[in-house]
Amino acid sequence: MAGKNAALACTICGSRNYTITPTEKGRTTRLEVKKFCRYCGTHTLHKETK
């Protein structure tokens, strides 16, 4: 059972640093999480992309 993966992209530099497997099927909003960006060197907001 292969699920679709989504990437989490940094809002500052735009690099896609993390991948996730969305579990909620009826979700309409995109995930926003504060995570560490190795290119910026700080914790920044990461938003879900396709």
PDB file of N, CA and C in Angstrom:
ATOM      1  N   MET A   1       0.845  -1.175   0.000  1.00  0.00           N
ATOM      2  CA  MET A   1       0.000   0.000   0.000  1.00  0.00           C
ATOM      3  C   MET A   1       0.890   1.236   0.000  1.00  0.00           C
ATOM      4  N   ALA A   2       1.085   1.806  -1.154  1.00  0.00           N
ATOM      5  CA  ALA A   2       1.961   2.960  -1.291  1.00  0.00           C
ATOM      6  C   ALA A   2       1.161   4.243  -1.145  1.00  0.00           C
ATOM      7  N   GLY A   3       1.567   5.065  -0.186  1.00  0.00           N
ATOM      8  CA  GLY A   3       0.899   6.341   0.011  1.00  0.00           C
ATOM      9  C   GLY A   3       1.662   7.455  -0.674  1.00  0.00           C
ATOM     10  N   LYS A   4       0.991   8.579  -0.854  1.00  0.00           N
ATOM     11  CA  LYS A   4       1.649   9.726  -1.462  1.00  0.00           C
ATOM     12  C   LYS A   4       2.459  10.462  -0.409  1.00  0.00           C
ATOM     13  N   ASN A   5       3.656  10.875  -0.777  1.00  0.00           N
ATOM     14  CA  ASN A   5       4.497  11.642   0.126  1.00  0.00           C
ATOM     15  C   ASN A   5       4.355  13.118  -0.178  1.00  0.00           C
ATOM     16  N   ALA A   6       4.536  13.928   0.856  1.00  0.00           N
ATOM     17  CA  ALA A   6       4.533  15.374   0.707  1.00  0.00           C
ATOM     18  C   ALA A   6       5.834  15.888   1.305  1.00  0.00           C
ATOM     19  N   ALA A   7       6.322  16.992   0.778  1.00  0.00           N
ATOM     20  CA  ALA A   7       7.564  17.572   1.265  1.00  0.00           C
ATOM     21  C   ALA A   7       7.253  18.779   2.141  1.00  0.00           C
ATOM     22  N   LEU A   8       8.153  19.041   3.094  1.00  0.00           N
ATOM     23  CA  LEU A   8       8.066  20.250   3.903  1.00  0.00           C
ATOM     24  C   LEU A   8       9.163  21.186   3.428  1.00  0.00           C
ATOM     25  N   ALA A   9       8.782  22.364   2.944  1.00  0.00           N
ATOM     26  CA  ALA A   9       9.735  23.326   2.400  1.00  0.00           C
ATOM     27  C   ALA A   9       9.899  24.508   3.340  1.00  0.00           C
ATOM     28  N   CYS A  10      11.125  24.974   3.463  1.00  0.00           N
ATOM     29  CA  CYS A  10      11.448  26.138   4.289  1.00  0.00           C
ATOM     30  C   CYS A  10      10.832  27.378   3.661  1.00  0.00           C
ATOM     31  N   THR A  11      10.217  28.230   4.485  1.00  0.00           N
ATOM     32  CA  THR A  11       9.591  29.442   3.957  1.00  0.00           C
ATOM     33  C   THR A  11      10.617  30.536   3.682  1.00  0.00           C
ATOM     34  N   ILE A  12      11.824  30.425   4.236  1.00  0.00           N
ATOM     35  CA  ILE A  12      12.845  31.453   4.033  1.00  0.00           C
ATOM     36  C   ILE A  12      13.630  31.194   2.748  1.00  0.00           C
ATOM     37  N   CYS A  13      14.241  30.000   2.639  1.00  0.00           N
ATOM     38  CA  CYS A  13      15.092  29.723   1.477  1.00  0.00           C
ATOM     39  C   CYS A  13      14.412  28.850   0.430  1.00  0.00           C
ATOM     40  N   GLY A  14      13.308  28.190   0.780  1.00  0.00           N
ATOM     41  CA  GLY A  14      12.567  27.398  -0.191  1.00  0.00           C
ATOM     42  C   GLY A  14      13.054  25.976  -0.381  1.00  0.00           C
ATOM     43  N   SER A  15      14.084  25.556   0.349  1.00  0.00           N
ATOM     44  CA  SER A  15      14.597  24.195   0.180  1.00  0.00           C
ATOM     45  C   SER A  15      13.665  23.190   0.842  1.00  0.00           C
ATOM     46  N   ARG A  16      13.518  22.040   0.200  1.00  0.00           N
ATOM     47  CA  ARG A  16      12.653  20.982   0.719  1.00  0.00           C
ATOM     48  C   ARG A  16      13.500  20.048   1.563  1.00  0.00           C
ATOM     49  N   ASN A  17      13.381  20.172   2.883  1.00  0.00           N
ATOM     50  CA  ASN A  17      14.260  19.469   3.799  1.00  0.00           C
ATOM     51  C   ASN A  17      13.672  18.181   4.360  1.00  0.00           C
ATOM     52  N   TYR A  18      12.367  18.073   4.466  1.00  0.00           N
ATOM     53  CA  TYR A  18      11.725  16.943   5.120  1.00  0.00           C
ATOM     54  C   TYR A  18      10.630  16.367   4.228  1.00  0.00           C
ATOM     55  N   THR A  19      10.390  15.056   4.352  1.00  0.00           N
ATOM     56  CA  THR A  19       9.266  14.424   3.672  1.00  0.00           C
ATOM     57  C   THR A  19       8.363  13.787   4.719  1.00  0.00           C
ATOM     58  N   ILE A  20       7.059  13.827   4.448  1.00  0.00           N
ATOM     59  CA  ILE A  20       6.077  13.242   5.355  1.00  0.00           C
ATOM     60  C   ILE A  20       5.094  12.417   4.549  1.00  0.00           C
ATOM     61  N   THR A  21       4.403  11.519   5.219  1.00  0.00           N
ATOM     62  CA  THR A  21       3.314  10.763   4.618  1.00  0.00           C
ATOM     63  C   THR A  21       2.028  11.231   5.292  1.00  0.00           C
ATOM     64  N   PRO A  22       1.209  12.002   4.597  1.00  0.00           N
ATOM     65  CA  PRO A  22      -0.030  12.507   5.197  1.00  0.00           C
ATOM     66  C   PRO A  22      -0.969  11.354   5.551  1.00  0.00           C
ATOM     67  N   THR A  23      -1.535  11.393   6.752  1.00  0.00           N
ATOM     68  CA  THR A  23      -2.407  10.321   7.205  1.00  0.00           C
ATOM     69  C   THR A  23      -3.879  10.710   7.184  1.00  0.00           C
ATOM     70  N   GLU A  24      -4.174  11.995   7.253  1.00  0.00           N
ATOM     71  CA  GLU A  24      -5.566  12.446   7.264  1.00  0.00           C
ATOM     72  C   GLU A  24      -6.050  12.643   5.838  1.00  0.00           C
ATOM     73  N   LYS A  25      -7.105  11.949   5.463  1.00  0.00           N
ATOM     74  CA  LYS A  25      -7.590  12.024   4.083  1.00  0.00           C
ATOM     75  C   LYS A  25      -8.471  13.231   3.836  1.00  0.00           C
ATOM     76  N   GLY A  26      -9.230  13.686   4.818  1.00  0.00           N
ATOM     77  CA  GLY A  26     -10.159  14.784   4.625  1.00  0.00           C
ATOM     78  C   GLY A  26      -9.566  16.150   4.924  1.00  0.00           C
ATOM     79  N   ARG A  27      -8.271  16.233   5.109  1.00  0.00           N
ATOM     80  CA  ARG A  27      -7.625  17.490   5.494  1.00  0.00           C
ATOM     81  C   ARG A  27      -7.558  18.431   4.294  1.00  0.00           C
ATOM     82  N   THR A  28      -7.924  19.700   4.497  1.00  0.00           N
ATOM     83  CA  THR A  28      -7.903  20.675   3.406  1.00  0.00           C
ATOM     84  C   THR A  28      -6.797  21.707   3.584  1.00  0.00           C
ATOM     85  N   THR A  29      -6.295  21.886   4.800  1.00  0.00           N
ATOM     86  CA  THR A  29      -5.230  22.858   5.031  1.00  0.00           C
ATOM     87  C   THR A  29      -3.876  22.173   4.974  1.00  0.00           C
ATOM     88  N   ARG A  30      -2.863  22.934   4.630  1.00  0.00           N
ATOM     89  CA  ARG A  30      -1.513  22.379   4.546  1.00  0.00           C
ATOM     90  C   ARG A  30      -0.818  22.506   5.894  1.00  0.00           C
ATOM     91  N   LEU A  31       0.011  21.529   6.190  1.00  0.00           N
ATOM     92  CA  LEU A  31       0.712  21.470   7.463  1.00  0.00           C
ATOM     93  C   LEU A  31       1.783  22.544   7.536  1.00  0.00           C
ATOM     94  N   GLU A  32       1.894  23.211   8.700  1.00  0.00           N
ATOM     95  CA  GLU A  32       2.928  24.205   8.948  1.00  0.00           C
ATOM     96  C   GLU A  32       3.593  23.860  10.269  1.00  0.00           C
ATOM     97  N   VAL A  33       4.913  23.616  10.232  1.00  0.00           N
ATOM     98  CA  VAL A  33       5.654  23.186  11.415  1.00  0.00           C
ATOM     99  C   VAL A  33       6.954  23.969  11.491  1.00  0.00           C
ATOM    100  N   LYS A  34       7.377  24.325  12.708  1.00  0.00           N
ATOM    101  CA  LYS A  34       8.689  24.936  12.882  1.00  0.00           C
ATOM    102  C   LYS A  34       9.725  23.829  12.998  1.00  0.00           C
ATOM    103  N   LYS A  35      10.665  23.790  12.050  1.00  0.00           N
ATOM    104  CA  LYS A  35      11.694  22.765  12.042  1.00  0.00           C
ATOM    105  C   LYS A  35      13.032  23.417  11.714  1.00  0.00           C
ATOM    106  N   PHE A  36      14.109  22.665  11.935  1.00  0.00           N
ATOM    107  CA  PHE A  36      15.449  23.178  11.682  1.00  0.00           C
ATOM    108  C   PHE A  36      15.770  23.087  10.198  1.00  0.00           C
ATOM    109  N   CYS A  37      16.231  24.187   9.626  1.00  0.00           N
ATOM    110  CA  CYS A  37      16.671  24.219   8.232  1.00  0.00           C
ATOM    111  C   CYS A  37      18.193  24.229   8.235  1.00  0.00           C
ATOM    112  N   ARG A  38      18.794  23.229   7.637  1.00  0.00           N
ATOM    113  CA  ARG A  38      20.255  23.143   7.659  1.00  0.00           C
ATOM    114  C   ARG A  38      20.910  24.162   6.736  1.00  0.00           C
ATOM    115  N   TYR A  39      20.158  24.703   5.786  1.00  0.00           N
ATOM    116  CA  TYR A  39      20.716  25.710   4.881  1.00  0.00           C
ATOM    117  C   TYR A  39      20.677  27.101   5.512  1.00  0.00           C
ATOM    118  N   CYS A  40      19.603  27.411   6.236  1.00  0.00           N
ATOM    119  CA  CYS A  40      19.511  28.692   6.940  1.00  0.00           C
ATOM    120  C   CYS A  40      20.278  28.662   8.264  1.00  0.00           C
ATOM    121  N   GLY A  41      20.364  27.472   8.871  1.00  0.00           N
ATOM    122  CA  GLY A  41      21.081  27.325  10.136  1.00  0.00           C
ATOM    123  C   GLY A  41      20.252  27.658  11.352  1.00  0.00           C
ATOM    124  N   THR A  42      18.935  27.859  11.192  1.00  0.00           N
ATOM    125  CA  THR A  42      18.058  28.186  12.318  1.00  0.00           C
ATOM    126  C   THR A  42      16.744  27.425  12.188  1.00  0.00           C
ATOM    127  N   HIS A  43      15.926  27.513  13.220  1.00  0.00           N
ATOM    128  CA  HIS A  43      14.589  26.945  13.169  1.00  0.00           C
ATOM    129  C   HIS A  43      13.680  27.912  12.422  1.00  0.00           C
ATOM    130  N   THR A  44      13.071  27.449  11.351  1.00  0.00           N
ATOM    131  CA  THR A  44      12.183  28.288  10.546  1.00  0.00           C
ATOM    132  C   THR A  44      10.865  27.552  10.314  1.00  0.00           C
ATOM    133  N   LEU A  45       9.892  28.279   9.828  1.00  0.00           N
ATOM    134  CA  LEU A  45       8.596  27.689   9.518  1.00  0.00           C
ATOM    135  C   LEU A  45       8.696  26.919   8.220  1.00  0.00           C
ATOM    136  N   HIS A  46       8.242  25.668   8.233  1.00  0.00           N
ATOM    137  CA  HIS A  46       8.225  24.817   7.041  1.00  0.00           C
ATOM    138  C   HIS A  46       6.779  24.541   6.688  1.00  0.00           C
ATOM    139  N   LYS A  47       6.437  24.685   5.397  1.00  0.00           N
ATOM    140  CA  LYS A  47       5.079  24.450   4.925  1.00  0.00           C
ATOM    141  C   LYS A  47       5.048  23.238   4.013  1.00  0.00           C
ATOM    142  N   GLU A  48       3.921  22.544   4.034  1.00  0.00           N
ATOM    143  CA  GLU A  48       3.747  21.341   3.217  1.00  0.00           C
ATOM    144  C   GLU A  48       3.605  21.694   1.739  1.00  0.00           C
ATOM    145  N   THR A  49       4.338  20.985   0.894  1.00  0.00           N
ATOM    146  CA  THR A  49       4.220  21.120  -0.553  1.00  0.00           C
ATOM    147  C   THR A  49       3.841  19.759  -1.130  1.00  0.00           C
ATOM    148  N   LYS A  50       3.590  19.698  -2.428  1.00  0.00           N
ATOM    149  CA  LYS A  50       3.221  18.428  -3.040  1.00  0.00           C
ATOM    150  C   LYS A  50       4.425  17.605  -3.392  1.00  0.00           C
TER     151      LYS A  50
END
